[in-house]
């Protein structure tokens, strides 16, 4: 079942610039988003802020988006700056949205919007980022997330193996994202938009 978004509800969302500025401000205060203010969460946020900056600067939006972004859309992106998967996808999603006058990006924090997040669970978990693509009338058309299919399958297989090392998994994920250079995320969103 889809969440019923409205113009009024999305007025509380953030633009990508606002999201980055808020993340930077919280880091300058030794904080992150959400209730968990443990030092490791702040460190994740600090590392992810650097990743987001690098990815935003270096990623190039695929030309195919010009062909598939023909109608006005609202893209709702559920995220948190401490999330490693989000750090690798949010910047390129923001660049795609900025590249088209047809897309309005609305960023929502997962932990501040439990009613929304609960409509977009992944195997029962609150995995992020989640991108919900709405038409101009706020009707849901597509959902993407929390990560590209190839890496999602890798994570599921890794977890199925029983005893797994979370640090090793995180390292493998970041290496995959680094080598992929946003290609899979963009390709999957293009395929959704073609439907």
C-alpha atoms as a PDB file:
ATOM      1  CA  UNK A   1       0.000   0.000   0.000  1.00  0.00           C
ATOM      2  CA  UNK A   2       1.295   3.459  -0.898  1.00  0.00           C
ATOM      3  CA  UNK A   3       1.493   6.436   1.415  1.00  0.00           C
ATOM      4  CA  UNK A   4      -0.925   9.234   0.478  1.00  0.00           C
ATOM      5  CA  UNK A   5       1.386  12.190  -0.088  1.00  0.00           C
ATOM      6  CA  UNK A   6       0.084  15.724  -0.450  1.00  0.00           C
ATOM      7  CA  UNK A   7       1.490  19.128  -1.298  1.00  0.00           C
ATOM      8  CA  UNK A   8       0.874  20.231   2.290  1.00  0.00           C
ATOM      9  CA  UNK A   9       2.698  17.225   3.763  1.00  0.00           C
ATOM     10  CA  UNK A  10       5.708  17.670   1.467  1.00  0.00           C
ATOM     11  CA  UNK A  11       6.115  21.306   2.503  1.00  0.00           C
ATOM     12  CA  UNK A  12       8.056  19.974   5.516  1.00  0.00           C
ATOM     13  CA  UNK A  13      10.557  18.203   3.266  1.00  0.00           C
ATOM     14  CA  UNK A  14      14.076  19.442   2.531  1.00  0.00           C
ATOM     15  CA  UNK A  15      15.838  20.240  -0.713  1.00  0.00           C
ATOM     16  CA  UNK A  16      19.231  18.611  -1.247  1.00  0.00           C
ATOM     17  CA  UNK A  17      21.016  21.868  -0.375  1.00  0.00           C
ATOM     18  CA  UNK A  18      19.014  22.144   2.856  1.00  0.00           C
ATOM     19  CA  UNK A  19      19.796  18.514   3.663  1.00  0.00           C
ATOM     20  CA  UNK A  20      23.539  19.081   3.209  1.00  0.00           C
ATOM     21  CA  UNK A  21      23.503  22.342   5.179  1.00  0.00           C
ATOM     22  CA  UNK A  22      21.621  20.699   8.058  1.00  0.00           C
ATOM     23  CA  UNK A  23      24.041  17.750   8.066  1.00  0.00           C
ATOM     24  CA  UNK A  24      27.035  20.123   8.144  1.00  0.00           C
ATOM     25  CA  UNK A  25      25.494  22.220  10.926  1.00  0.00           C
ATOM     26  CA  UNK A  26      24.762  19.139  13.060  1.00  0.00           C
ATOM     27  CA  UNK A  27      28.307  17.849  12.529  1.00  0.00           C
ATOM     28  CA  UNK A  28      29.719  21.235  13.597  1.00  0.00           C
ATOM     29  CA  UNK A  29      27.754  20.765  16.842  1.00  0.00           C
ATOM     30  CA  UNK A  30      29.047  17.184  17.257  1.00  0.00           C
ATOM     31  CA  UNK A  31      25.649  15.710  16.359  1.00  0.00           C
ATOM     32  CA  UNK A  32      23.803  13.776  13.680  1.00  0.00           C
ATOM     33  CA  UNK A  33      20.144  13.233  12.836  1.00  0.00           C
ATOM     34  CA  UNK A  34      17.894  10.922  14.810  1.00  0.00           C
ATOM     35  CA  UNK A  35      17.842   9.859  18.430  1.00  0.00           C
ATOM     36  CA  UNK A  36      21.038   7.784  18.325  1.00  0.00           C
ATOM     37  CA  UNK A  37      23.810  10.281  19.052  1.00  0.00           C
ATOM     38  CA  UNK A  38      26.476   7.658  19.793  1.00  0.00           C
ATOM     39  CA  UNK A  39      29.989   8.673  18.665  1.00  0.00           C
ATOM     40  CA  UNK A  40      30.014   5.988  15.947  1.00  0.00           C
ATOM     41  CA  UNK A  41      26.829   7.427  14.377  1.00  0.00           C
ATOM     42  CA  UNK A  42      28.429  10.870  14.294  1.00  0.00           C
ATOM     43  CA  UNK A  43      31.549   9.358  12.706  1.00  0.00           C
ATOM     44  CA  UNK A  44      29.406   7.626  10.051  1.00  0.00           C
ATOM     45  CA  UNK A  45      27.753  10.963   9.321  1.00  0.00           C
ATOM     46  CA  UNK A  46      31.124  12.715   9.059  1.00  0.00           C
ATOM     47  CA  UNK A  47      32.445  10.086   6.648  1.00  0.00           C
ATOM     48  CA  UNK A  48      29.217  10.142   4.642  1.00  0.00           C
ATOM     49  CA  UNK A  49      29.289  13.941   4.348  1.00  0.00           C
ATOM     50  CA  UNK A  50      32.666  13.576   2.607  1.00  0.00           C
ATOM     51  CA  UNK A  51      31.308  10.775   0.388  1.00  0.00           C
ATOM     52  CA  UNK A  52      28.239  12.799  -0.576  1.00  0.00           C
ATOM     53  CA  UNK A  53      30.392  15.782  -1.487  1.00  0.00           C
ATOM     54  CA  UNK A  54      32.701  13.636  -3.639  1.00  0.00           C
ATOM     55  CA  UNK A  55      29.856  11.783  -5.372  1.00  0.00           C
ATOM     56  CA  UNK A  56      27.908  14.967  -6.027  1.00  0.00           C
ATOM     57  CA  UNK A  57      30.975  16.595  -7.588  1.00  0.00           C
ATOM     58  CA  UNK A  58      32.103  13.605  -9.671  1.00  0.00           C
ATOM     59  CA  UNK A  59      28.938  11.821 -10.819  1.00  0.00           C
ATOM     60  CA  UNK A  60      27.534  12.606 -14.235  1.00  0.00           C
ATOM     61  CA  UNK A  61      23.832  12.294 -14.955  1.00  0.00           C
ATOM     62  CA  UNK A  62      23.132   9.830 -17.773  1.00  0.00           C
ATOM     63  CA  UNK A  63      21.818  11.389 -20.976  1.00  0.00           C
ATOM     64  CA  UNK A  64      18.895   8.917 -21.043  1.00  0.00           C
ATOM     65  CA  UNK A  65      17.162  10.901 -18.300  1.00  0.00           C
ATOM     66  CA  UNK A  66      16.310  13.571 -20.881  1.00  0.00           C
ATOM     67  CA  UNK A  67      14.244  10.936 -22.731  1.00  0.00           C
ATOM     68  CA  UNK A  68      12.398   9.551 -19.693  1.00  0.00           C
ATOM     69  CA  UNK A  69      11.698  12.737 -17.717  1.00  0.00           C
ATOM     70  CA  UNK A  70       8.913  14.158 -19.853  1.00  0.00           C
ATOM     71  CA  UNK A  71       6.204  14.818 -17.235  1.00  0.00           C
ATOM     72  CA  UNK A  72       6.193  16.746 -13.965  1.00  0.00           C
ATOM     73  CA  UNK A  73       7.080  14.538 -11.018  1.00  0.00           C
ATOM     74  CA  UNK A  74       7.677  14.690  -7.287  1.00  0.00           C
ATOM     75  CA  UNK A  75      10.522  12.523  -6.009  1.00  0.00           C
ATOM     76  CA  UNK A  76      10.254  11.735  -2.303  1.00  0.00           C
ATOM     77  CA  UNK A  77      13.554  10.509  -0.890  1.00  0.00           C
ATOM     78  CA  UNK A  78      13.580   8.908   2.573  1.00  0.00           C
ATOM     79  CA  UNK A  79      17.064   9.001   4.052  1.00  0.00           C
ATOM     80  CA  UNK A  80      19.381   9.817   6.973  1.00  0.00           C
ATOM     81  CA  UNK A  81      22.938  11.212   6.649  1.00  0.00           C
ATOM     82  CA  UNK A  82      24.447   8.473   8.830  1.00  0.00           C
ATOM     83  CA  UNK A  83      23.409   5.755   6.330  1.00  0.00           C
ATOM     84  CA  UNK A  84      26.196   4.471   4.070  1.00  0.00           C
ATOM     85  CA  UNK A  85      23.864   3.323   1.281  1.00  0.00           C
ATOM     86  CA  UNK A  86      22.162   6.717   1.317  1.00  0.00           C
ATOM     87  CA  UNK A  87      25.491   8.540   1.107  1.00  0.00           C
ATOM     88  CA  UNK A  88      26.182   6.683  -2.139  1.00  0.00           C
ATOM     89  CA  UNK A  89      22.766   7.229  -3.750  1.00  0.00           C
ATOM     90  CA  UNK A  90      21.301  10.493  -2.447  1.00  0.00           C
ATOM     91  CA  UNK A  91      23.829  12.810  -4.199  1.00  0.00           C
ATOM     92  CA  UNK A  92      23.278  11.312  -7.645  1.00  0.00           C
ATOM     93  CA  UNK A  93      19.490  11.242  -7.169  1.00  0.00           C
ATOM     94  CA  UNK A  94      19.702  14.932  -6.261  1.00  0.00           C
ATOM     95  CA  UNK A  95      21.789  15.652  -9.392  1.00  0.00           C
ATOM     96  CA  UNK A  96      19.283  13.801 -11.582  1.00  0.00           C
ATOM     97  CA  UNK A  97      16.437  15.841 -10.091  1.00  0.00           C
ATOM     98  CA  UNK A  98      18.380  19.080 -10.555  1.00  0.00           C
ATOM     99  CA  UNK A  99      19.101  18.207 -14.184  1.00  0.00           C
ATOM    100  CA  UNK A 100      15.420  18.339 -15.082  1.00  0.00           C
ATOM    101  CA  UNK A 101      12.820  21.050 -14.667  1.00  0.00           C
ATOM    102  CA  UNK A 102      10.269  18.202 -14.501  1.00  0.00           C
ATOM    103  CA  UNK A 103      11.418  16.867 -11.112  1.00  0.00           C
ATOM    104  CA  UNK A 104      10.904  18.359  -7.657  1.00  0.00           C
ATOM    105  CA  UNK A 105      12.944  16.542  -4.981  1.00  0.00           C
ATOM    106  CA  UNK A 106      11.553  16.228  -1.442  1.00  0.00           C
ATOM    107  CA  UNK A 107      13.899  14.771   1.198  1.00  0.00           C
ATOM    108  CA  UNK A 108      12.382  13.285   4.368  1.00  0.00           C
ATOM    109  CA  UNK A 109      14.200  11.864   7.380  1.00  0.00           C
ATOM    110  CA  UNK A 110      13.339   8.240   8.052  1.00  0.00           C
ATOM    111  CA  UNK A 111      13.172   8.526  11.821  1.00  0.00           C
ATOM    112  CA  UNK A 112      11.009  11.669  11.792  1.00  0.00           C
ATOM    113  CA  UNK A 113       8.485  10.074   9.433  1.00  0.00           C
ATOM    114  CA  UNK A 114       7.656   6.589  10.758  1.00  0.00           C
ATOM    115  CA  UNK A 115       4.206   6.524   9.099  1.00  0.00           C
ATOM    116  CA  UNK A 116       5.807   7.066   5.700  1.00  0.00           C
ATOM    117  CA  UNK A 117       8.721   4.683   6.315  1.00  0.00           C
ATOM    118  CA  UNK A 118       6.396   1.897   7.461  1.00  0.00           C
ATOM    119  CA  UNK A 119       4.772   1.906   4.006  1.00  0.00           C
ATOM    120  CA  UNK A 120       8.135   1.249   2.313  1.00  0.00           C
ATOM    121  CA  UNK A 121       9.795  -1.498   4.348  1.00  0.00           C
ATOM    122  CA  UNK A 122      12.322  -3.844   2.748  1.00  0.00           C
ATOM    123  CA  UNK A 123      11.812  -7.398   4.013  1.00  0.00           C
ATOM    124  CA  UNK A 124      10.296  -5.888   7.162  1.00  0.00           C
ATOM    125  CA  UNK A 125      13.189  -3.502   7.838  1.00  0.00           C
ATOM    126  CA  UNK A 126      13.436   0.280   7.607  1.00  0.00           C
ATOM    127  CA  UNK A 127      16.186   0.216   4.991  1.00  0.00           C
ATOM    128  CA  UNK A 128      17.104   3.476   3.297  1.00  0.00           C
ATOM    129  CA  UNK A 129      17.345   5.310   1.024  1.00  0.00           C
ATOM    130  CA  UNK A 130      13.902   4.837  -0.507  1.00  0.00           C
ATOM    131  CA  UNK A 131      12.917   6.861  -3.558  1.00  0.00           C
ATOM    132  CA  UNK A 132       9.189   7.204  -4.208  1.00  0.00           C
ATOM    133  CA  UNK A 133       8.365   8.689  -7.596  1.00  0.00           C
ATOM    134  CA  UNK A 134       5.010  10.464  -7.739  1.00  0.00           C
ATOM    135  CA  UNK A 135       3.251  12.117 -10.641  1.00  0.00           C
ATOM    136  CA  UNK A 136       2.320  15.799 -10.496  1.00  0.00           C
ATOM    137  CA  UNK A 137      -0.887  14.878  -8.605  1.00  0.00           C
ATOM    138  CA  UNK A 138       1.097  13.072  -5.872  1.00  0.00           C
ATOM    139  CA  UNK A 139       0.053   9.600  -7.061  1.00  0.00           C
ATOM    140  CA  UNK A 140       2.730   6.936  -6.633  1.00  0.00           C
ATOM    141  CA  UNK A 141       4.222   5.612  -9.873  1.00  0.00           C
ATOM    142  CA  UNK A 142       7.472   3.897  -8.866  1.00  0.00           C
ATOM    143  CA  UNK A 143       9.557   2.952  -5.835  1.00  0.00           C
ATOM    144  CA  UNK A 144      13.314   2.356  -5.809  1.00  0.00           C
ATOM    145  CA  UNK A 145      15.632   1.386  -2.979  1.00  0.00           C
ATOM    146  CA  UNK A 146      17.296   0.822  -0.678  1.00  0.00           C
ATOM    147  CA  UNK A 147      20.234   0.005  -2.949  1.00  0.00           C
ATOM    148  CA  UNK A 148      20.906  -1.284  -6.480  1.00  0.00           C
ATOM    149  CA  UNK A 149      19.692  -4.859  -7.089  1.00  0.00           C
ATOM    150  CA  UNK A 150      23.183  -6.336  -7.524  1.00  0.00           C
ATOM    151  CA  UNK A 151      24.391  -5.079  -4.184  1.00  0.00           C
ATOM    152  CA  UNK A 152      21.050  -5.864  -2.486  1.00  0.00           C
ATOM    153  CA  UNK A 153      21.468  -9.495  -3.568  1.00  0.00           C
ATOM    154  CA  UNK A 154      25.048  -9.444  -2.287  1.00  0.00           C
ATOM    155  CA  UNK A 155      23.873  -8.172   1.118  1.00  0.00           C
ATOM    156  CA  UNK A 156      21.126 -10.804   1.337  1.00  0.00           C
ATOM    157  CA  UNK A 157      23.562 -13.605   0.460  1.00  0.00           C
ATOM    158  CA  UNK A 158      26.099 -12.270   2.947  1.00  0.00           C
ATOM    159  CA  UNK A 159      23.486 -12.225   5.717  1.00  0.00           C
ATOM    160  CA  UNK A 160      22.216 -15.709   4.782  1.00  0.00           C
ATOM    161  CA  UNK A 161      25.687 -17.136   5.347  1.00  0.00           C
ATOM    162  CA  UNK A 162      24.988 -17.069   9.096  1.00  0.00           C
ATOM    163  CA  UNK A 163      27.978 -15.645  10.886  1.00  0.00           C
ATOM    164  CA  UNK A 164      29.050 -12.543   9.028  1.00  0.00           C
ATOM    165  CA  UNK A 165      31.342  -9.694   9.902  1.00  0.00           C
ATOM    166  CA  UNK A 166      29.539  -6.334   9.679  1.00  0.00           C
ATOM    167  CA  UNK A 167      32.808  -4.416   9.181  1.00  0.00           C
ATOM    168  CA  UNK A 168      33.724  -6.698   6.279  1.00  0.00           C
ATOM    169  CA  UNK A 169      30.258  -6.221   4.765  1.00  0.00           C
ATOM    170  CA  UNK A 170      30.523  -2.413   5.037  1.00  0.00           C
ATOM    171  CA  UNK A 171      33.968  -2.467   3.432  1.00  0.00           C
ATOM    172  CA  UNK A 172      32.697  -4.628   0.543  1.00  0.00           C
ATOM    173  CA  UNK A 173      29.686  -2.373   0.058  1.00  0.00           C
ATOM    174  CA  UNK A 174      31.780   0.792  -0.131  1.00  0.00           C
ATOM    175  CA  UNK A 175      34.212  -0.826  -2.553  1.00  0.00           C
ATOM    176  CA  UNK A 176      31.303  -1.897  -4.766  1.00  0.00           C
ATOM    177  CA  UNK A 177      29.788   1.596  -4.722  1.00  0.00           C
ATOM    178  CA  UNK A 178      33.150   3.188  -5.454  1.00  0.00           C
ATOM    179  CA  UNK A 179      33.730   0.956  -8.492  1.00  0.00           C
ATOM    180  CA  UNK A 180      30.139   1.287  -9.741  1.00  0.00           C
ATOM    181  CA  UNK A 181      30.307   5.117  -9.769  1.00  0.00           C
ATOM    182  CA  UNK A 182      26.468   5.498  -9.522  1.00  0.00           C
ATOM    183  CA  UNK A 183      25.977   3.595 -12.806  1.00  0.00           C
ATOM    184  CA  UNK A 184      23.607   0.951 -11.363  1.00  0.00           C
ATOM    185  CA  UNK A 185      21.499   3.414  -9.387  1.00  0.00           C
ATOM    186  CA  UNK A 186      20.988   5.592 -12.463  1.00  0.00           C
ATOM    187  CA  UNK A 187      20.333   2.623 -14.758  1.00  0.00           C
ATOM    188  CA  UNK A 188      17.686   1.166 -12.432  1.00  0.00           C
ATOM    189  CA  UNK A 189      15.880   4.500 -12.054  1.00  0.00           C
ATOM    190  CA  UNK A 190      15.891   4.963 -15.848  1.00  0.00           C
ATOM    191  CA  UNK A 191      14.376   1.485 -16.277  1.00  0.00           C
ATOM    192  CA  UNK A 192      11.643   2.324 -13.767  1.00  0.00           C
ATOM    193  CA  UNK A 193      10.825   5.575 -15.537  1.00  0.00           C
ATOM    194  CA  UNK A 194      10.534   3.779 -18.882  1.00  0.00           C
ATOM    195  CA  UNK A 195       7.676   1.613 -17.541  1.00  0.00           C
END
